[in-house]
Amino acid sequence: MNRLQKFVEKGAFEEGPLRVAYALGADKLPGAQKDARWHPVNDFNAGDEILQNASLKDVFKAAITDGCAVLLPLRSMN
């Protein structure tokens, strides 16, 4: 049985994640961007994360329905 997992996409030359994905397994992830790789977040807990950010409910729902949902991370506007 697959469970919802969190992945972050990190590039070789970027600071911080490029994208964040919630997926029902690594095989459901889209291809990584050039010079980047998907990394699993091993301590991900869907319950804890949704308590911190209730707007993730729709994202989790899409990931479960479609197999994967990808988000762009928020970056500071410096």
PDB file of N, CA and C in Angstrom:
ATOM      1  N   MET A   1       0.837  -1.190   0.000  1.00  0.00           N
ATOM      2  CA  MET A   1       0.000   0.000   0.000  1.00  0.00           C
ATOM      3  C   MET A   1       0.883   1.255   0.000  1.00  0.00           C
ATOM      4  N   ASN A   2       0.593   2.163  -0.906  1.00  0.00           N
ATOM      5  CA  ASN A   2       1.346   3.411  -0.968  1.00  0.00           C
ATOM      6  C   ASN A   2       0.788   4.399   0.041  1.00  0.00           C
ATOM      7  N   ARG A   3       1.679   5.225   0.564  1.00  0.00           N
ATOM      8  CA  ARG A   3       1.256   6.286   1.461  1.00  0.00           C
ATOM      9  C   ARG A   3       1.786   7.600   0.904  1.00  0.00           C
ATOM     10  N   LEU A   4       1.177   8.672   1.344  1.00  0.00           N
ATOM     11  CA  LEU A   4       1.596   9.988   0.882  1.00  0.00           C
ATOM     12  C   LEU A   4       2.988  10.298   1.410  1.00  0.00           C
ATOM     13  N   GLN A   5       3.874  10.701   0.521  1.00  0.00           N
ATOM     14  CA  GLN A   5       5.241  11.055   0.879  1.00  0.00           C
ATOM     15  C   GLN A   5       5.531  12.481   0.408  1.00  0.00           C
ATOM     16  N   LYS A   6       6.511  13.096   1.040  1.00  0.00           N
ATOM     17  CA  LYS A   6       6.946  14.440   0.657  1.00  0.00           C
ATOM     18  C   LYS A   6       8.343  14.344   0.062  1.00  0.00           C
ATOM     19  N   PHE A   7       8.562  15.093  -1.007  1.00  0.00           N
ATOM     20  CA  PHE A   7       9.855  15.151  -1.671  1.00  0.00           C
ATOM     21  C   PHE A   7      10.209  16.613  -1.906  1.00  0.00           C
ATOM     22  N   VAL A   8      11.494  16.932  -1.843  1.00  0.00           N
ATOM     23  CA  VAL A   8      11.961  18.265  -2.206  1.00  0.00           C
ATOM     24  C   VAL A   8      12.936  18.114  -3.364  1.00  0.00           C
ATOM     25  N   GLU A   9      12.841  19.027  -4.295  1.00  0.00           N
ATOM     26  CA  GLU A   9      13.726  19.038  -5.448  1.00  0.00           C
ATOM     27  C   GLU A   9      14.846  20.029  -5.153  1.00  0.00           C
ATOM     28  N   LYS A  10      16.065  19.553  -5.219  1.00  0.00           N
ATOM     29  CA  LYS A  10      17.210  20.417  -4.946  1.00  0.00           C
ATOM     30  C   LYS A  10      18.143  20.412  -6.137  1.00  0.00           C
ATOM     31  N   GLY A  11      18.602  21.622  -6.475  1.00  0.00           N
ATOM     32  CA  GLY A  11      19.541  21.765  -7.568  1.00  0.00           C
ATOM     33  C   GLY A  11      20.960  21.800  -7.057  1.00  0.00           C
ATOM     34  N   ALA A  12      21.886  21.508  -7.937  1.00  0.00           N
ATOM     35  CA  ALA A  12      23.293  21.467  -7.565  1.00  0.00           C
ATOM     36  C   ALA A  12      23.805  22.846  -7.133  1.00  0.00           C
ATOM     37  N   PHE A  13      23.238  23.901  -7.694  1.00  0.00           N
ATOM     38  CA  PHE A  13      23.765  25.230  -7.426  1.00  0.00           C
ATOM     39  C   PHE A  13      22.763  26.158  -6.754  1.00  0.00           C
ATOM     40  N   GLU A  14      21.603  25.653  -6.391  1.00  0.00           N
ATOM     41  CA  GLU A  14      20.558  26.464  -5.757  1.00  0.00           C
ATOM     42  C   GLU A  14      20.591  26.297  -4.248  1.00  0.00           C
ATOM     43  N   GLU A  15      20.260  27.355  -3.547  1.00  0.00           N
ATOM     44  CA  GLU A  15      20.064  27.263  -2.104  1.00  0.00           C
ATOM     45  C   GLU A  15      18.594  26.992  -1.853  1.00  0.00           C
ATOM     46  N   GLY A  16      18.297  26.015  -1.033  1.00  0.00           N
ATOM     47  CA  GLY A  16      16.913  25.678  -0.723  1.00  0.00           C
ATOM     48  C   GLY A  16      16.278  24.869  -1.830  1.00  0.00           C
ATOM     49  N   PRO A  17      15.082  24.384  -1.572  1.00  0.00           N
ATOM     50  CA  PRO A  17      14.401  23.551  -2.565  1.00  0.00           C
ATOM     51  C   PRO A  17      13.882  24.362  -3.745  1.00  0.00           C
ATOM     52  N   LEU A  18      13.873  23.730  -4.926  1.00  0.00           N
ATOM     53  CA  LEU A  18      13.300  24.343  -6.117  1.00  0.00           C
ATOM     54  C   LEU A  18      11.786  24.144  -6.134  1.00  0.00           C
ATOM     55  N   ARG A  19      11.371  22.902  -5.831  1.00  0.00           N
ATOM     56  CA  ARG A  19       9.943  22.570  -5.764  1.00  0.00           C
ATOM     57  C   ARG A  19       9.733  21.577  -4.616  1.00  0.00           C
ATOM     58  N   VAL A  20       8.500  21.472  -4.192  1.00  0.00           N
ATOM     59  CA  VAL A  20       8.101  20.497  -3.176  1.00  0.00           C
ATOM     60  C   VAL A  20       7.004  19.653  -3.807  1.00  0.00           C
ATOM     61  N   ALA A  21       7.063  18.340  -3.602  1.00  0.00           N
ATOM     62  CA  ALA A  21       6.041  17.449  -4.149  1.00  0.00           C
ATOM     63  C   ALA A  21       5.514  16.536  -3.063  1.00  0.00           C
ATOM     64  N   TYR A  22       4.238  16.266  -3.145  1.00  0.00           N
ATOM     65  CA  TYR A  22       3.591  15.260  -2.309  1.00  0.00           C
ATOM     66  C   TYR A  22       3.141  14.184  -3.287  1.00  0.00           C
ATOM     67  N   ALA A  23       3.573  12.947  -3.056  1.00  0.00           N
ATOM     68  CA  ALA A  23       3.300  11.891  -4.027  1.00  0.00           C
ATOM     69  C   ALA A  23       3.076  10.556  -3.339  1.00  0.00           C
ATOM     70  N   LEU A  24       2.427   9.659  -4.071  1.00  0.00           N
ATOM     71  CA  LEU A  24       2.192   8.300  -3.592  1.00  0.00           C
ATOM     72  C   LEU A  24       3.341   7.386  -4.029  1.00  0.00           C
ATOM     73  N   GLY A  25       4.550   7.885  -3.944  1.00  0.00           N
ATOM     74  CA  GLY A  25       5.749   7.127  -4.288  1.00  0.00           C
ATOM     75  C   GLY A  25       6.620   7.893  -5.260  1.00  0.00           C
ATOM     76  N   ALA A  26       7.907   7.598  -5.251  1.00  0.00           N
ATOM     77  CA  ALA A  26       8.871   8.303  -6.101  1.00  0.00           C
ATOM     78  C   ALA A  26       8.575   8.095  -7.585  1.00  0.00           C
ATOM     79  N   ASP A  27       7.960   6.965  -7.930  1.00  0.00           N
ATOM     80  CA  ASP A  27       7.639   6.691  -9.328  1.00  0.00           C
ATOM     81  C   ASP A  27       6.555   7.612  -9.879  1.00  0.00           C
ATOM     82  N   LYS A  28       5.849   8.321  -9.040  1.00  0.00           N
ATOM     83  CA  LYS A  28       4.791   9.247  -9.453  1.00  0.00           C
ATOM     84  C   LYS A  28       5.308  10.670  -9.667  1.00  0.00           C
ATOM     85  N   LEU A  29       6.562  10.935  -9.293  1.00  0.00           N
ATOM     86  CA  LEU A  29       7.118  12.287  -9.410  1.00  0.00           C
ATOM     87  C   LEU A  29       7.357  12.665 -10.870  1.00  0.00           C
ATOM     88  N   PRO A  30       7.207  13.949 -11.195  1.00  0.00           N
ATOM     89  CA  PRO A  30       7.600  14.396 -12.535  1.00  0.00           C
ATOM     90  C   PRO A  30       9.120  14.417 -12.617  1.00  0.00           C
ATOM     91  N   GLY A  31       9.641  14.545 -13.798  1.00  0.00           N
ATOM     92  CA  GLY A  31      11.081  14.649 -13.956  1.00  0.00           C
ATOM     93  C   GLY A  31      11.623  15.870 -13.225  1.00  0.00           C
ATOM     94  N   ALA A  32      12.807  15.727 -12.689  1.00  0.00           N
ATOM     95  CA  ALA A  32      13.457  16.853 -12.006  1.00  0.00           C
ATOM     96  C   ALA A  32      13.933  17.873 -13.035  1.00  0.00           C
ATOM     97  N   GLN A  33      14.038  19.108 -12.593  1.00  0.00           N
ATOM     98  CA  GLN A  33      14.556  20.158 -13.461  1.00  0.00           C
ATOM     99  C   GLN A  33      16.041  19.916 -13.724  1.00  0.00           C
ATOM    100  N   LYS A  34      16.576  20.588 -14.712  1.00  0.00           N
ATOM    101  CA  LYS A  34      17.979  20.412 -15.090  1.00  0.00           C
ATOM    102  C   LYS A  34      18.891  20.634 -13.881  1.00  0.00           C
ATOM    103  N   ASP A  35      19.848  19.736 -13.700  1.00  0.00           N
ATOM    104  CA  ASP A  35      20.830  19.781 -12.607  1.00  0.00           C
ATOM    105  C   ASP A  35      20.184  19.694 -11.226  1.00  0.00           C
ATOM    106  N   ALA A  36      19.032  19.053 -11.134  1.00  0.00           N
ATOM    107  CA  ALA A  36      18.338  18.913  -9.849  1.00  0.00           C
ATOM    108  C   ALA A  36      17.957  17.448  -9.645  1.00  0.00           C
ATOM    109  N   ARG A  37      17.645  17.119  -8.377  1.00  0.00           N
ATOM    110  CA  ARG A  37      17.208  15.766  -8.023  1.00  0.00           C
ATOM    111  C   ARG A  37      16.128  15.853  -6.957  1.00  0.00           C
ATOM    112  N   TRP A  38      15.222  14.880  -6.976  1.00  0.00           N
ATOM    113  CA  TRP A  38      14.203  14.770  -5.945  1.00  0.00           C
ATOM    114  C   TRP A  38      14.785  14.032  -4.750  1.00  0.00           C
ATOM    115  N   HIS A  39      14.514  14.541  -3.553  1.00  0.00           N
ATOM    116  CA  HIS A  39      14.983  13.919  -2.308  1.00  0.00           C
ATOM    117  C   HIS A  39      13.777  13.683  -1.394  1.00  0.00           C
ATOM    118  N   PRO A  40      13.638  12.461  -0.863  1.00  0.00           N
ATOM    119  CA  PRO A  40      12.526  12.211   0.054  1.00  0.00           C
ATOM    120  C   PRO A  40      12.745  12.912   1.394  1.00  0.00           C
ATOM    121  N   VAL A  41      11.658  13.340   2.004  1.00  0.00           N
ATOM    122  CA  VAL A  41      11.697  13.914   3.347  1.00  0.00           C
ATOM    123  C   VAL A  41      11.275  12.784   4.284  1.00  0.00           C
ATOM    124  N   ASN A  42      12.253  12.137   4.891  1.00  0.00           N
ATOM    125  CA  ASN A  42      12.010  10.917   5.658  1.00  0.00           C
ATOM    126  C   ASN A  42      11.174  11.131   6.919  1.00  0.00           C
ATOM    127  N   ASP A  43      11.239  12.315   7.510  1.00  0.00           N
ATOM    128  CA  ASP A  43      10.478  12.548   8.738  1.00  0.00           C
ATOM    129  C   ASP A  43       9.126  13.234   8.477  1.00  0.00           C
ATOM    130  N   PHE A  44       8.645  13.185   7.233  1.00  0.00           N
ATOM    131  CA  PHE A  44       7.364  13.791   6.866  1.00  0.00           C
ATOM    132  C   PHE A  44       6.219  13.079   7.580  1.00  0.00           C
ATOM    133  N   ASN A  45       5.336  13.867   8.168  1.00  0.00           N
ATOM    134  CA  ASN A  45       4.131  13.362   8.813  1.00  0.00           C
ATOM    135  C   ASN A  45       2.980  14.217   8.306  1.00  0.00           C
ATOM    136  N   ALA A  46       2.105  13.623   7.515  1.00  0.00           N
ATOM    137  CA  ALA A  46       1.013  14.376   6.890  1.00  0.00           C
ATOM    138  C   ALA A  46       0.126  15.055   7.931  1.00  0.00           C
ATOM    139  N   GLY A  47      -0.163  14.357   9.028  1.00  0.00           N
ATOM    140  CA  GLY A  47      -1.009  14.939  10.075  1.00  0.00           C
ATOM    141  C   GLY A  47      -0.397  16.169  10.698  1.00  0.00           C
ATOM    142  N   ASP A  48       0.879  16.093  11.032  1.00  0.00           N
ATOM    143  CA  ASP A  48       1.561  17.246  11.620  1.00  0.00           C
ATOM    144  C   ASP A  48       1.614  18.412  10.639  1.00  0.00           C
ATOM    145  N   GLU A  49       1.895  18.095   9.370  1.00  0.00           N
ATOM    146  CA  GLU A  49       2.046  19.166   8.389  1.00  0.00           C
ATOM    147  C   GLU A  49       0.720  19.878   8.116  1.00  0.00           C
ATOM    148  N   ILE A  50      -0.369  19.127   8.076  1.00  0.00           N
ATOM    149  CA  ILE A  50      -1.666  19.759   7.817  1.00  0.00           C
ATOM    150  C   ILE A  50      -2.138  20.575   9.020  1.00  0.00           C
ATOM    151  N   LEU A  51      -1.715  20.184  10.223  1.00  0.00           N
ATOM    152  CA  LEU A  51      -2.028  20.993  11.408  1.00  0.00           C
ATOM    153  C   LEU A  51      -1.290  22.325  11.363  1.00  0.00           C
ATOM    154  N   GLN A  52      -0.111  22.359  10.786  1.00  0.00           N
ATOM    155  CA  GLN A  52       0.670  23.597  10.670  1.00  0.00           C
ATOM    156  C   GLN A  52       0.190  24.466   9.509  1.00  0.00           C
ATOM    157  N   ASN A  53      -0.399  23.825   8.476  1.00  0.00           N
ATOM    158  CA  ASN A  53      -0.823  24.571   7.296  1.00  0.00           C
ATOM    159  C   ASN A  53      -2.075  23.906   6.717  1.00  0.00           C
ATOM    160  N   ALA A  54      -3.239  24.357   7.149  1.00  0.00           N
ATOM    161  CA  ALA A  54      -4.510  23.745   6.742  1.00  0.00           C
ATOM    162  C   ALA A  54      -4.760  23.841   5.241  1.00  0.00           C
ATOM    163  N   SER A  55      -4.132  24.788   4.558  1.00  0.00           N
ATOM    164  CA  SER A  55      -4.346  24.925   3.114  1.00  0.00           C
ATOM    165  C   SER A  55      -3.757  23.745   2.336  1.00  0.00           C
ATOM    166  N   LEU A  56      -2.959  22.925   2.995  1.00  0.00           N
ATOM    167  CA  LEU A  56      -2.408  21.745   2.325  1.00  0.00           C
ATOM    168  C   LEU A  56      -3.465  20.657   2.102  1.00  0.00           C
ATOM    169  N   LYS A  57      -4.630  20.800   2.709  1.00  0.00           N
ATOM    170  CA  LYS A  57      -5.685  19.798   2.547  1.00  0.00           C
ATOM    171  C   LYS A  57      -5.983  19.561   1.072  1.00  0.00           C
ATOM    172  N   ASP A  58      -6.162  20.618   0.312  1.00  0.00           N
ATOM    173  CA  ASP A  58      -6.464  20.481  -1.115  1.00  0.00           C
ATOM    174  C   ASP A  58      -5.281  19.906  -1.895  1.00  0.00           C
ATOM    175  N   VAL A  59      -4.076  20.248  -1.476  1.00  0.00           N
ATOM    176  CA  VAL A  59      -2.876  19.709  -2.124  1.00  0.00           C
ATOM    177  C   VAL A  59      -2.790  18.204  -1.876  1.00  0.00           C
ATOM    178  N   PHE A  60      -3.010  17.789  -0.645  1.00  0.00           N
ATOM    179  CA  PHE A  60      -2.973  16.363  -0.310  1.00  0.00           C
ATOM    180  C   PHE A  60      -4.057  15.609  -1.079  1.00  0.00           C
ATOM    181  N   LYS A  61      -5.235  16.214  -1.179  1.00  0.00           N
ATOM    182  CA  LYS A  61      -6.337  15.600  -1.904  1.00  0.00           C
ATOM    183  C   LYS A  61      -5.968  15.398  -3.378  1.00  0.00           C
ATOM    184  N   ALA A  62      -5.353  16.409  -3.989  1.00  0.00           N
ATOM    185  CA  ALA A  62      -4.914  16.311  -5.385  1.00  0.00           C
ATOM    186  C   ALA A  62      -3.837  15.242  -5.542  1.00  0.00           C
ATOM    187  N   ALA A  63      -2.919  15.175  -4.592  1.00  0.00           N
ATOM    188  CA  ALA A  63      -1.851  14.180  -4.666  1.00  0.00           C
ATOM    189  C   ALA A  63      -2.416  12.768  -4.580  1.00  0.00           C
ATOM    190  N   ILE A  64      -3.401  12.572  -3.727  1.00  0.00           N
ATOM    191  CA  ILE A  64      -4.009  11.252  -3.581  1.00  0.00           C
ATOM    192  C   ILE A  64      -4.820  10.899  -4.831  1.00  0.00           C
ATOM    193  N   THR A  65      -5.524  11.870  -5.383  1.00  0.00           N
ATOM    194  CA  THR A  65      -6.338  11.639  -6.581  1.00  0.00           C
ATOM    195  C   THR A  65      -5.478  11.408  -7.825  1.00  0.00           C
ATOM    196  N   ASP A  66      -4.460  12.257  -8.003  1.00  0.00           N
ATOM    197  CA  ASP A  66      -3.650  12.239  -9.227  1.00  0.00           C
ATOM    198  C   ASP A  66      -2.330  11.487  -9.081  1.00  0.00           C
ATOM    199  N   GLY A  67      -1.967  11.125  -7.866  1.00  0.00           N
ATOM    200  CA  GLY A  67      -0.692  10.443  -7.635  1.00  0.00           C
ATOM    201  C   GLY A  67       0.421  11.378  -7.225  1.00  0.00           C
ATOM    202  N   CYS A  68       0.287  12.674  -7.561  1.00  0.00           N
ATOM    203  CA  CYS A  68       1.340  13.637  -7.223  1.00  0.00           C
ATOM    204  C   CYS A  68       0.791  15.059  -7.330  1.00  0.00           C
ATOM    205  N   ALA A  69       1.255  15.922  -6.441  1.00  0.00           N
ATOM    206  CA  ALA A  69       0.968  17.364  -6.513  1.00  0.00           C
ATOM    207  C   ALA A  69       2.280  18.088  -6.248  1.00  0.00           C
ATOM    208  N   VAL A  70       2.610  19.043  -7.105  1.00  0.00           N
ATOM    209  CA  VAL A  70       3.886  19.759  -7.020  1.00  0.00           C
ATOM    210  C   VAL A  70       3.622  21.225  -6.711  1.00  0.00           C
ATOM    211  N   LEU A  71       4.391  21.760  -5.768  1.00  0.00           N
ATOM    212  CA  LEU A  71       4.296  23.167  -5.370  1.00  0.00           C
ATOM    213  C   LEU A  71       5.628  23.865  -5.556  1.00  0.00           C
ATOM    214  N   LEU A  72       5.563  25.131  -5.898  1.00  0.00           N
ATOM    215  CA  LEU A  72       6.765  25.958  -5.880  1.00  0.00           C
ATOM    216  C   LEU A  72       6.937  26.482  -4.469  1.00  0.00           C
ATOM    217  N   PRO A  73       8.139  26.425  -3.906  1.00  0.00           N
ATOM    218  CA  PRO A  73       8.326  26.923  -2.533  1.00  0.00           C
ATOM    219  C   PRO A  73       8.260  28.439  -2.480  1.00  0.00           C
ATOM    220  N   LEU A  74       7.848  28.955  -1.339  1.00  0.00           N
ATOM    221  CA  LEU A  74       7.845  30.409  -1.138  1.00  0.00           C
ATOM    222  C   LEU A  74       9.287  30.853  -0.925  1.00  0.00           C
ATOM    223  N   ARG A  75       9.670  31.893  -1.589  1.00  0.00           N
ATOM    224  CA  ARG A  75      11.026  32.437  -1.441  1.00  0.00           C
ATOM    225  C   ARG A  75      10.917  33.875  -0.975  1.00  0.00           C
ATOM    226  N   SER A  76      11.886  34.288  -0.209  1.00  0.00           N
ATOM    227  CA  SER A  76      11.871  35.670   0.265  1.00  0.00           C
ATOM    228  C   SER A  76      12.109  36.604  -0.896  1.00  0.00           C
ATOM    229  N   MET A  77      11.542  37.776  -0.832  1.00  0.00           N
ATOM    230  CA  MET A  77      11.643  38.763  -1.900  1.00  0.00           C
ATOM    231  C   MET A  77      12.733  39.779  -1.566  1.00  0.00           C
ATOM    232  N   ASN A  78      13.969  39.337  -1.489  1.00  0.00           N
ATOM    233  CA  ASN A  78      15.092  40.254  -1.185  1.00  0.00           C
ATOM    234  C   ASN A  78      15.690  40.814  -2.427  1.00  0.00           C
TER     235      ASN A  78
END
